[in-house]
Amino acid sequence: MKWFFASLVGLLLLLQFRLWVGDGGIPEVLHLQEEVAIAKQNKLELEERNDSLEAEVNDLKQGLESIEERARSELGMIGKDEVFYQFIAPPEKESVE
């Protein structure tokens, strides 16, 4: 009976060792759960970026207003019958003390 009890305790210790240290143990599961959470966050960020890019593409496909707005803001273009005025601020006078 002592040998049976001792073998059961030994088996329990072996299983506990595999649970805490071996492959597929608790530390590895926790690490994988962390990686899954990070991957989900990255996926959400990429989905938001894709949605904004898709909206921008659809906007550019549908009308000339968005293309004209982009050309004006990014390239500094002006319309056919428009006049461009540029105001330059006068240089600040240095005070002599």
PDB file of N, CA and C in Angstrom:
ATOM      1  N   MET A   1       0.824  -1.184   0.000  1.00  0.00           N
ATOM      2  CA  MET A   1       0.000   0.000   0.000  1.00  0.00           C
ATOM      3  C   MET A   1       0.874   1.255   0.000  1.00  0.00           C
ATOM      4  N   LYS A   2       2.034   1.196   0.697  1.00  0.00           N
ATOM      5  CA  LYS A   2       2.923   2.353   0.730  1.00  0.00           C
ATOM      6  C   LYS A   2       3.484   2.638  -0.662  1.00  0.00           C
ATOM      7  N   TRP A   3       3.791   1.581  -1.413  1.00  0.00           N
ATOM      8  CA  TRP A   3       4.335   1.777  -2.757  1.00  0.00           C
ATOM      9  C   TRP A   3       3.294   2.393  -3.681  1.00  0.00           C
ATOM     10  N   PHE A   4       2.069   1.966  -3.524  1.00  0.00           N
ATOM     11  CA  PHE A   4       0.991   2.515  -4.351  1.00  0.00           C
ATOM     12  C   PHE A   4       0.808   4.005  -4.060  1.00  0.00           C
ATOM     13  N   PHE A   5       0.774   4.352  -2.765  1.00  0.00           N
ATOM     14  CA  PHE A   5       0.630   5.745  -2.357  1.00  0.00           C
ATOM     15  C   PHE A   5       1.829   6.575  -2.828  1.00  0.00           C
ATOM     16  N   ALA A   6       3.021   6.027  -2.706  1.00  0.00           N
ATOM     17  CA  ALA A   6       4.229   6.729  -3.132  1.00  0.00           C
ATOM     18  C   ALA A   6       4.241   6.929  -4.642  1.00  0.00           C
ATOM     19  N   SER A   7       3.779   5.932  -5.394  1.00  0.00           N
ATOM     20  CA  SER A   7       3.730   6.082  -6.856  1.00  0.00           C
ATOM     21  C   SER A   7       2.687   7.121  -7.262  1.00  0.00           C
ATOM     22  N   LEU A   8       1.565   7.194  -6.556  1.00  0.00           N
ATOM     23  CA  LEU A   8       0.555   8.222  -6.844  1.00  0.00           C
ATOM     24  C   LEU A   8       1.099   9.623  -6.556  1.00  0.00           C
ATOM     25  N   VAL A   9       1.805   9.784  -5.454  1.00  0.00           N
ATOM     26  CA  VAL A   9       2.401  11.081  -5.119  1.00  0.00           C
ATOM     27  C   VAL A   9       3.458  11.445  -6.158  1.00  0.00           C
ATOM     28  N   GLY A  10       4.273  10.482  -6.562  1.00  0.00           N
ATOM     29  CA  GLY A  10       5.282  10.728  -7.596  1.00  0.00           C
ATOM     30  C   GLY A  10       4.640  11.140  -8.918  1.00  0.00           C
ATOM     31  N   LEU A  11       3.561  10.461  -9.285  1.00  0.00           N
ATOM     32  CA  LEU A  11       2.841  10.809 -10.515  1.00  0.00           C
ATOM     33  C   LEU A  11       2.243  12.208 -10.421  1.00  0.00           C
ATOM     34  N   LEU A  12       1.683  12.526  -9.247  1.00  0.00           N
ATOM     35  CA  LEU A  12       1.123  13.867  -9.041  1.00  0.00           C
ATOM     36  C   LEU A  12       2.205  14.927  -9.168  1.00  0.00           C
ATOM     37  N   LEU A  13       3.379  14.682  -8.571  1.00  0.00           N
ATOM     38  CA  LEU A  13       4.477  15.641  -8.673  1.00  0.00           C
ATOM     39  C   LEU A  13       4.958  15.788 -10.117  1.00  0.00           C
ATOM     40  N   LEU A  14       5.017  14.688 -10.841  1.00  0.00           N
ATOM     41  CA  LEU A  14       5.422  14.738 -12.239  1.00  0.00           C
ATOM     42  C   LEU A  14       4.435  15.555 -13.073  1.00  0.00           C
ATOM     43  N   LEU A  15       3.146  15.344 -12.828  1.00  0.00           N
ATOM     44  CA  LEU A  15       2.130  16.103 -13.565  1.00  0.00           C
ATOM     45  C   LEU A  15       2.170  17.587 -13.199  1.00  0.00           C
ATOM     46  N   GLN A  16       2.401  17.878 -11.917  1.00  0.00           N
ATOM     47  CA  GLN A  16       2.519  19.271 -11.496  1.00  0.00           C
ATOM     48  C   GLN A  16       3.730  19.934 -12.148  1.00  0.00           C
ATOM     49  N   PHE A  17       4.832  19.216 -12.249  1.00  0.00           N
ATOM     50  CA  PHE A  17       6.024  19.755 -12.891  1.00  0.00           C
ATOM     51  C   PHE A  17       5.733  20.094 -14.351  1.00  0.00           C
ATOM     52  N   ARG A  18       5.059  19.192 -15.062  1.00  0.00           N
ATOM     53  CA  ARG A  18       4.724  19.448 -16.467  1.00  0.00           C
ATOM     54  C   ARG A  18       3.764  20.618 -16.589  1.00  0.00           C
ATOM     55  N   LEU A  19       2.852  20.748 -15.606  1.00  0.00           N
ATOM     56  CA  LEU A  19       1.881  21.847 -15.650  1.00  0.00           C
ATOM     57  C   LEU A  19       2.574  23.197 -15.500  1.00  0.00           C
ATOM     58  N   TRP A  20       3.539  23.306 -14.607  1.00  0.00           N
ATOM     59  CA  TRP A  20       4.169  24.584 -14.331  1.00  0.00           C
ATOM     60  C   TRP A  20       5.385  24.879 -15.190  1.00  0.00           C
ATOM     61  N   VAL A  21       6.090  23.857 -15.671  1.00  0.00           N
ATOM     62  CA  VAL A  21       7.344  24.095 -16.362  1.00  0.00           C
ATOM     63  C   VAL A  21       7.346  23.550 -17.787  1.00  0.00           C
ATOM     64  N   GLY A  22       6.653  22.484 -18.060  1.00  0.00           N
ATOM     65  CA  GLY A  22       6.752  21.798 -19.341  1.00  0.00           C
ATOM     66  C   GLY A  22       6.082  22.535 -20.487  1.00  0.00           C
ATOM     67  N   ASP A  23       6.171  21.917 -21.666  1.00  0.00           N
ATOM     68  CA  ASP A  23       5.529  22.483 -22.861  1.00  0.00           C
ATOM     69  C   ASP A  23       4.022  22.544 -22.664  1.00  0.00           C
ATOM     70  N   GLY A  24       3.436  23.664 -23.040  1.00  0.00           N
ATOM     71  CA  GLY A  24       1.999  23.840 -22.888  1.00  0.00           C
ATOM     72  C   GLY A  24       1.595  24.123 -21.456  1.00  0.00           C
ATOM     73  N   GLY A  25       2.560  24.468 -20.619  1.00  0.00           N
ATOM     74  CA  GLY A  25       2.268  24.769 -19.221  1.00  0.00           C
ATOM     75  C   GLY A  25       1.663  26.156 -19.068  1.00  0.00           C
ATOM     76  N   ILE A  26       1.386  26.500 -17.847  1.00  0.00           N
ATOM     77  CA  ILE A  26       0.722  27.770 -17.534  1.00  0.00           C
ATOM     78  C   ILE A  26       1.520  28.980 -18.010  1.00  0.00           C
ATOM     79  N   PRO A  27       2.843  29.057 -17.797  1.00  0.00           N
ATOM     80  CA  PRO A  27       3.576  30.240 -18.283  1.00  0.00           C
ATOM     81  C   PRO A  27       3.476  30.407 -19.805  1.00  0.00           C
ATOM     82  N   GLU A  28       3.545  29.308 -20.535  1.00  0.00           N
ATOM     83  CA  GLU A  28       3.451  29.398 -21.990  1.00  0.00           C
ATOM     84  C   GLU A  28       2.058  29.845 -22.421  1.00  0.00           C
ATOM     85  N   VAL A  29       1.030  29.355 -21.739  1.00  0.00           N
ATOM     86  CA  VAL A  29      -0.340  29.757 -22.060  1.00  0.00           C
ATOM     87  C   VAL A  29      -0.530  31.253 -21.804  1.00  0.00           C
ATOM     88  N   LEU A  30      -0.005  31.745 -20.684  1.00  0.00           N
ATOM     89  CA  LEU A  30      -0.122  33.178 -20.383  1.00  0.00           C
ATOM     90  C   LEU A  30       0.615  34.025 -21.423  1.00  0.00           C
ATOM     91  N   HIS A  31       1.782  33.571 -21.838  1.00  0.00           N
ATOM     92  CA  HIS A  31       2.547  34.282 -22.864  1.00  0.00           C
ATOM     93  C   HIS A  31       1.776  34.313 -24.186  1.00  0.00           C
ATOM     94  N   LEU A  32       1.183  33.200 -24.561  1.00  0.00           N
ATOM     95  CA  LEU A  32       0.415  33.155 -25.804  1.00  0.00           C
ATOM     96  C   LEU A  32      -0.830  34.036 -25.723  1.00  0.00           C
ATOM     97  N   GLN A  33      -1.453  34.108 -24.550  1.00  0.00           N
ATOM     98  CA  GLN A  33      -2.610  34.987 -24.391  1.00  0.00           C
ATOM     99  C   GLN A  33      -2.213  36.447 -24.562  1.00  0.00           C
ATOM    100  N   GLU A  34      -1.036  36.813 -24.062  1.00  0.00           N
ATOM    101  CA  GLU A  34      -0.522  38.178 -24.258  1.00  0.00           C
ATOM    102  C   GLU A  34      -0.311  38.474 -25.739  1.00  0.00           C
ATOM    103  N   GLU A  35       0.300  37.523 -26.444  1.00  0.00           N
ATOM    104  CA  GLU A  35       0.546  37.711 -27.873  1.00  0.00           C
ATOM    105  C   GLU A  35      -0.756  37.839 -28.648  1.00  0.00           C
ATOM    106  N   VAL A  36      -1.769  37.079 -28.264  1.00  0.00           N
ATOM    107  CA  VAL A  36      -3.071  37.164 -28.929  1.00  0.00           C
ATOM    108  C   VAL A  36      -3.687  38.538 -28.699  1.00  0.00           C
ATOM    109  N   ALA A  37      -3.591  39.053 -27.479  1.00  0.00           N
ATOM    110  CA  ALA A  37      -4.142  40.383 -27.184  1.00  0.00           C
ATOM    111  C   ALA A  37      -3.438  41.456 -28.004  1.00  0.00           C
ATOM    112  N   ILE A  38      -2.118  41.370 -28.132  1.00  0.00           N
ATOM    113  CA  ILE A  38      -1.365  42.344 -28.934  1.00  0.00           C
ATOM    114  C   ILE A  38      -1.753  42.241 -30.398  1.00  0.00           C
ATOM    115  N   ALA A  39      -1.903  41.014 -30.888  1.00  0.00           N
ATOM    116  CA  ALA A  39      -2.290  40.819 -32.292  1.00  0.00           C
ATOM    117  C   ALA A  39      -3.683  41.373 -32.558  1.00  0.00           C
ATOM    118  N   LYS A  40      -4.601  41.206 -31.613  1.00  0.00           N
ATOM    119  CA  LYS A  40      -5.958  41.755 -31.786  1.00  0.00           C
ATOM    120  C   LYS A  40      -5.920  43.278 -31.835  1.00  0.00           C
ATOM    121  N   GLN A  41      -5.102  43.894 -30.973  1.00  0.00           N
ATOM    122  CA  GLN A  41      -4.982  45.357 -30.974  1.00  0.00           C
ATOM    123  C   GLN A  41      -4.410  45.849 -32.297  1.00  0.00           C
ATOM    124  N   ASN A  42      -3.378  45.177 -32.794  1.00  0.00           N
ATOM    125  CA  ASN A  42      -2.792  45.552 -34.088  1.00  0.00           C
ATOM    126  C   ASN A  42      -3.811  45.403 -35.204  1.00  0.00           C
ATOM    127  N   LYS A  43      -4.605  44.349 -35.133  1.00  0.00           N
ATOM    128  CA  LYS A  43      -5.627  44.113 -36.153  1.00  0.00           C
ATOM    129  C   LYS A  43      -6.655  45.238 -36.157  1.00  0.00           C
ATOM    130  N   LEU A  44      -7.084  45.676 -34.968  1.00  0.00           N
ATOM    131  CA  LEU A  44      -8.046  46.774 -34.887  1.00  0.00           C
ATOM    132  C   LEU A  44      -7.476  48.063 -35.467  1.00  0.00           C
ATOM    133  N   GLU A  45      -6.207  48.353 -35.153  1.00  0.00           N
ATOM    134  CA  GLU A  45      -5.577  49.560 -35.692  1.00  0.00           C
ATOM    135  C   GLU A  45      -5.482  49.491 -37.216  1.00  0.00           C
ATOM    136  N   LEU A  46      -5.116  48.333 -37.740  1.00  0.00           N
ATOM    137  CA  LEU A  46      -5.012  48.183 -39.192  1.00  0.00           C
ATOM    138  C   LEU A  46      -6.376  48.253 -39.864  1.00  0.00           C
ATOM    139  N   GLU A  47      -7.409  47.725 -39.214  1.00  0.00           N
ATOM    140  CA  GLU A  47      -8.760  47.829 -39.780  1.00  0.00           C
ATOM    141  C   GLU A  47      -9.218  49.284 -39.836  1.00  0.00           C
ATOM    142  N   GLU A  48      -8.924  50.055 -38.783  1.00  0.00           N
ATOM    143  CA  GLU A  48      -9.283  51.481 -38.786  1.00  0.00           C
ATOM    144  C   GLU A  48      -8.547  52.212 -39.904  1.00  0.00           C
ATOM    145  N   ARG A  49      -7.274  51.906 -40.068  1.00  0.00           N
ATOM    146  CA  ARG A  49      -6.485  52.536 -41.131  1.00  0.00           C
ATOM    147  C   ARG A  49      -7.037  52.164 -42.501  1.00  0.00           C
ATOM    148  N   ASN A  50      -7.370  50.890 -42.692  1.00  0.00           N
ATOM    149  CA  ASN A  50      -7.941  50.453 -43.965  1.00  0.00           C
ATOM    150  C   ASN A  50      -9.268  51.140 -44.244  1.00  0.00           C
ATOM    151  N   ASP A  51     -10.099  51.303 -43.208  1.00  0.00           N
ATOM    152  CA  ASP A  51     -11.382  51.980 -43.396  1.00  0.00           C
ATOM    153  C   ASP A  51     -11.182  53.430 -43.827  1.00  0.00           C
ATOM    154  N   SER A  52     -10.220  54.117 -43.201  1.00  0.00           N
ATOM    155  CA  SER A  52      -9.994  55.514 -43.580  1.00  0.00           C
ATOM    156  C   SER A  52      -9.428  55.608 -44.998  1.00  0.00           C
ATOM    157  N   LEU A  53      -8.529  54.681 -45.363  1.00  0.00           N
ATOM    158  CA  LEU A  53      -7.993  54.686 -46.725  1.00  0.00           C
ATOM    159  C   LEU A  53      -9.076  54.354 -47.750  1.00  0.00           C
ATOM    160  N   GLU A  54      -9.950  53.426 -47.399  1.00  0.00           N
ATOM    161  CA  GLU A  54     -11.046  53.077 -48.312  1.00  0.00           C
ATOM    162  C   GLU A  54     -11.988  54.260 -48.506  1.00  0.00           C
ATOM    163  N   ALA A  55     -12.278  54.980 -47.427  1.00  0.00           N
ATOM    164  CA  ALA A  55     -13.130  56.159 -47.534  1.00  0.00           C
ATOM    165  C   ALA A  55     -12.467  57.225 -48.397  1.00  0.00           C
ATOM    166  N   GLU A  56     -11.159  57.393 -48.252  1.00  0.00           N
ATOM    167  CA  GLU A  56     -10.437  58.367 -49.060  1.00  0.00           C
ATOM    168  C   GLU A  56     -10.444  57.983 -50.536  1.00  0.00           C
ATOM    169  N   VAL A  57     -10.259  56.709 -50.827  1.00  0.00           N
ATOM    170  CA  VAL A  57     -10.288  56.243 -52.214  1.00  0.00           C
ATOM    171  C   VAL A  57     -11.667  56.459 -52.811  1.00  0.00           C
ATOM    172  N   ASN A  58     -12.711  56.111 -52.069  1.00  0.00           N
ATOM    173  CA  ASN A  58     -14.071  56.316 -52.569  1.00  0.00           C
ATOM    174  C   ASN A  58     -14.351  57.793 -52.798  1.00  0.00           C
ATOM    175  N   ASP A  59     -13.859  58.637 -51.909  1.00  0.00           N
ATOM    176  CA  ASP A  59     -14.042  60.080 -52.051  1.00  0.00           C
ATOM    177  C   ASP A  59     -13.354  60.579 -53.316  1.00  0.00           C
ATOM    178  N   LEU A  60     -12.146  60.081 -53.588  1.00  0.00           N
ATOM    179  CA  LEU A  60     -11.421  60.508 -54.783  1.00  0.00           C
ATOM    180  C   LEU A  60     -12.078  59.980 -56.058  1.00  0.00           C
ATOM    181  N   LYS A  61     -12.683  58.817 -55.993  1.00  0.00           N
ATOM    182  CA  LYS A  61     -13.336  58.247 -57.169  1.00  0.00           C
ATOM    183  C   LYS A  61     -14.628  58.978 -57.511  1.00  0.00           C
ATOM    184  N   GLN A  62     -15.336  59.494 -56.502  1.00  0.00           N
ATOM    185  CA  GLN A  62     -16.671  60.027 -56.732  1.00  0.00           C
ATOM    186  C   GLN A  62     -16.697  61.454 -57.261  1.00  0.00           C
ATOM    187  N   GLY A  63     -15.805  62.293 -56.820  1.00  0.00           N
ATOM    188  CA  GLY A  63     -15.962  63.675 -57.231  1.00  0.00           C
ATOM    189  C   GLY A  63     -14.664  64.404 -57.440  1.00  0.00           C
ATOM    190  N   LEU A  64     -14.776  65.500 -58.184  1.00  0.00           N
ATOM    191  CA  LEU A  64     -13.617  66.337 -58.449  1.00  0.00           C
ATOM    192  C   LEU A  64     -13.318  67.278 -57.291  1.00  0.00           C
ATOM    193  N   GLU A  65     -14.304  67.494 -56.414  1.00  0.00           N
ATOM    194  CA  GLU A  65     -14.092  68.420 -55.313  1.00  0.00           C
ATOM    195  C   GLU A  65     -12.969  67.949 -54.402  1.00  0.00           C
ATOM    196  N   SER A  66     -12.946  66.679 -54.115  1.00  0.00           N
ATOM    197  CA  SER A  66     -11.908  66.187 -53.217  1.00  0.00           C
ATOM    198  C   SER A  66     -10.536  66.222 -53.890  1.00  0.00           C
ATOM    199  N   ILE A  67     -10.496  65.962 -55.197  1.00  0.00           N
ATOM    200  CA  ILE A  67      -9.228  66.037 -55.920  1.00  0.00           C
ATOM    201  C   ILE A  67      -8.736  67.482 -55.955  1.00  0.00           C
ATOM    202  N   GLU A  68      -9.661  68.408 -56.199  1.00  0.00           N
ATOM    203  CA  GLU A  68      -9.291  69.821 -56.233  1.00  0.00           C
ATOM    204  C   GLU A  68      -8.826  70.294 -54.858  1.00  0.00           C
ATOM    205  N   GLU A  69      -9.519  69.873 -53.821  1.00  0.00           N
ATOM    206  CA  GLU A  69      -9.130  70.253 -52.466  1.00  0.00           C
ATOM    207  C   GLU A  69      -7.733  69.724 -52.124  1.00  0.00           C
ATOM    208  N   ARG A  70      -7.461  68.505 -52.518  1.00  0.00           N
ATOM    209  CA  ARG A  70      -6.149  67.918 -52.250  1.00  0.00           C
ATOM    210  C   ARG A  70      -5.061  68.638 -53.052  1.00  0.00           C
ATOM    211  N   ALA A  71      -5.338  68.981 -54.294  1.00  0.00           N
ATOM    212  CA  ALA A  71      -4.353  69.684 -55.123  1.00  0.00           C
ATOM    213  C   ALA A  71      -4.064  71.070 -54.540  1.00  0.00           C
ATOM    214  N   ARG A  72      -5.088  71.733 -54.033  1.00  0.00           N
ATOM    215  CA  ARG A  72      -4.888  73.053 -53.449  1.00  0.00           C
ATOM    216  C   ARG A  72      -4.067  72.980 -52.166  1.00  0.00           C
ATOM    217  N   SER A  73      -4.412  72.039 -51.304  1.00  0.00           N
ATOM    218  CA  SER A  73      -3.744  71.992 -49.999  1.00  0.00           C
ATOM    219  C   SER A  73      -2.336  71.399 -50.080  1.00  0.00           C
ATOM    220  N   GLU A  74      -2.161  70.358 -50.884  1.00  0.00           N
ATOM    221  CA  GLU A  74      -0.865  69.686 -50.906  1.00  0.00           C
ATOM    222  C   GLU A  74       0.086  70.244 -51.961  1.00  0.00           C
ATOM    223  N   LEU A  75      -0.460  70.718 -53.073  1.00  0.00           N
ATOM    224  CA  LEU A  75       0.404  71.154 -54.169  1.00  0.00           C
ATOM    225  C   LEU A  75       0.387  72.661 -54.394  1.00  0.00           C
ATOM    226  N   GLY A  76      -0.512  73.371 -53.705  1.00  0.00           N
ATOM    227  CA  GLY A  76      -0.579  74.820 -53.832  1.00  0.00           C
ATOM    228  C   GLY A  76      -1.131  75.287 -55.168  1.00  0.00           C
ATOM    229  N   MET A  77      -1.972  74.504 -55.797  1.00  0.00           N
ATOM    230  CA  MET A  77      -2.521  74.866 -57.103  1.00  0.00           C
ATOM    231  C   MET A  77      -3.665  75.858 -56.945  1.00  0.00           C
ATOM    232  N   ILE A  78      -3.898  76.642 -58.003  1.00  0.00           N
ATOM    233  CA  ILE A  78      -5.006  77.591 -58.006  1.00  0.00           C
ATOM    234  C   ILE A  78      -5.873  77.306 -59.219  1.00  0.00           C
ATOM    235  N   GLY A  79      -7.103  77.825 -59.180  1.00  0.00           N
ATOM    236  CA  GLY A  79      -8.046  77.593 -60.262  1.00  0.00           C
ATOM    237  C   GLY A  79      -7.726  78.416 -61.505  1.00  0.00           C
ATOM    238  N   LYS A  80      -8.466  78.165 -62.580  1.00  0.00           N
ATOM    239  CA  LYS A  80      -8.203  78.781 -63.879  1.00  0.00           C
ATOM    240  C   LYS A  80      -8.345  80.302 -63.837  1.00  0.00           C
ATOM    241  N   ASP A  81      -9.416  80.809 -63.276  1.00  0.00           N
ATOM    242  CA  ASP A  81      -9.667  82.258 -63.270  1.00  0.00           C
ATOM    243  C   ASP A  81      -9.393  82.877 -61.899  1.00  0.00           C
ATOM    244  N   GLU A  82      -8.533  82.290 -61.138  1.00  0.00           N
ATOM    245  CA  GLU A  82      -8.216  82.813 -59.823  1.00  0.00           C
ATOM    246  C   GLU A  82      -6.887  83.559 -59.870  1.00  0.00           C
ATOM    247  N   VAL A  83      -6.735  84.484 -58.918  1.00  0.00           N
ATOM    248  CA  VAL A  83      -5.498  85.244 -58.802  1.00  0.00           C
ATOM    249  C   VAL A  83      -4.865  84.876 -57.465  1.00  0.00           C
ATOM    250  N   PHE A  84      -3.588  84.634 -57.489  1.00  0.00           N
ATOM    251  CA  PHE A  84      -2.861  84.232 -56.292  1.00  0.00           C
ATOM    252  C   PHE A  84      -2.229  85.456 -55.647  1.00  0.00           C
ATOM    253  N   TYR A  85      -2.518  85.652 -54.383  1.00  0.00           N
ATOM    254  CA  TYR A  85      -1.909  86.723 -53.610  1.00  0.00           C
ATOM    255  C   TYR A  85      -1.109  86.101 -52.475  1.00  0.00           C
ATOM    256  N   GLN A  86       0.094  86.623 -52.285  1.00  0.00           N
ATOM    257  CA  GLN A  86       0.911  86.138 -51.181  1.00  0.00           C
ATOM    258  C   GLN A  86       1.294  87.328 -50.326  1.00  0.00           C
ATOM    259  N   PHE A  87       0.962  87.233 -49.055  1.00  0.00           N
ATOM    260  CA  PHE A  87       1.274  88.306 -48.123  1.00  0.00           C
ATOM    261  C   PHE A  87       2.485  87.908 -47.309  1.00  0.00           C
ATOM    262  N   ILE A  88       3.451  88.813 -47.280  1.00  0.00           N
ATOM    263  CA  ILE A  88       4.660  88.573 -46.524  1.00  0.00           C
ATOM    264  C   ILE A  88       4.692  89.532 -45.357  1.00  0.00           C
ATOM    265  N   ALA A  89       4.851  89.005 -44.187  1.00  0.00           N
ATOM    266  CA  ALA A  89       4.867  89.843 -42.976  1.00  0.00           C
ATOM    267  C   ALA A  89       6.154  90.650 -42.949  1.00  0.00           C
ATOM    268  N   PRO A  90       6.065  91.905 -42.554  1.00  0.00           N
ATOM    269  CA  PRO A  90       7.282  92.701 -42.471  1.00  0.00           C
ATOM    270  C   PRO A  90       8.195  92.165 -41.379  1.00  0.00           C
ATOM    271  N   PRO A  91       9.499  92.305 -41.573  1.00  0.00           N
ATOM    272  CA  PRO A  91      10.422  91.777 -40.539  1.00  0.00           C
ATOM    273  C   PRO A  91      10.264  92.556 -39.241  1.00  0.00           C
ATOM    274  N   GLU A  92      10.382  91.851 -38.161  1.00  0.00           N
ATOM    275  CA  GLU A  92      10.242  92.475 -36.857  1.00  0.00           C
ATOM    276  C   GLU A  92      11.481  93.338 -36.575  1.00  0.00           C
ATOM    277  N   LYS A  93      11.227  94.507 -36.027  1.00  0.00           N
ATOM    278  CA  LYS A  93      12.353  95.400 -35.707  1.00  0.00           C
ATOM    279  C   LYS A  93      12.975  94.953 -34.392  1.00  0.00           C
ATOM    280  N   GLU A  94      14.282  94.922 -34.394  1.00  0.00           N
ATOM    281  CA  GLU A  94      14.993  94.527 -33.183  1.00  0.00           C
ATOM    282  C   GLU A  94      15.137  95.764 -32.283  1.00  0.00           C
ATOM    283  N   SER A  95      14.829  95.565 -31.043  1.00  0.00           N
ATOM    284  CA  SER A  95      14.973  96.694 -30.106  1.00  0.00           C
ATOM    285  C   SER A  95      16.411  96.681 -29.566  1.00  0.00           C
ATOM    286  N   VAL A  96      16.990  97.896 -29.565  1.00  0.00           N
ATOM    287  CA  VAL A  96      18.363  98.044 -29.090  1.00  0.00           C
ATOM    288  C   VAL A  96      18.329  98.516 -27.653  1.00  0.00           C
ATOM    289  N   GLU A  97      18.944  97.796 -26.774  1.00  0.00           N
ATOM    290  CA  GLU A  97      18.940  98.192 -25.351  1.00  0.00           C
ATOM    291  C   GLU A  97      20.310  98.500 -24.876  1.00  0.00           C
TER     292      GLU A  97
END
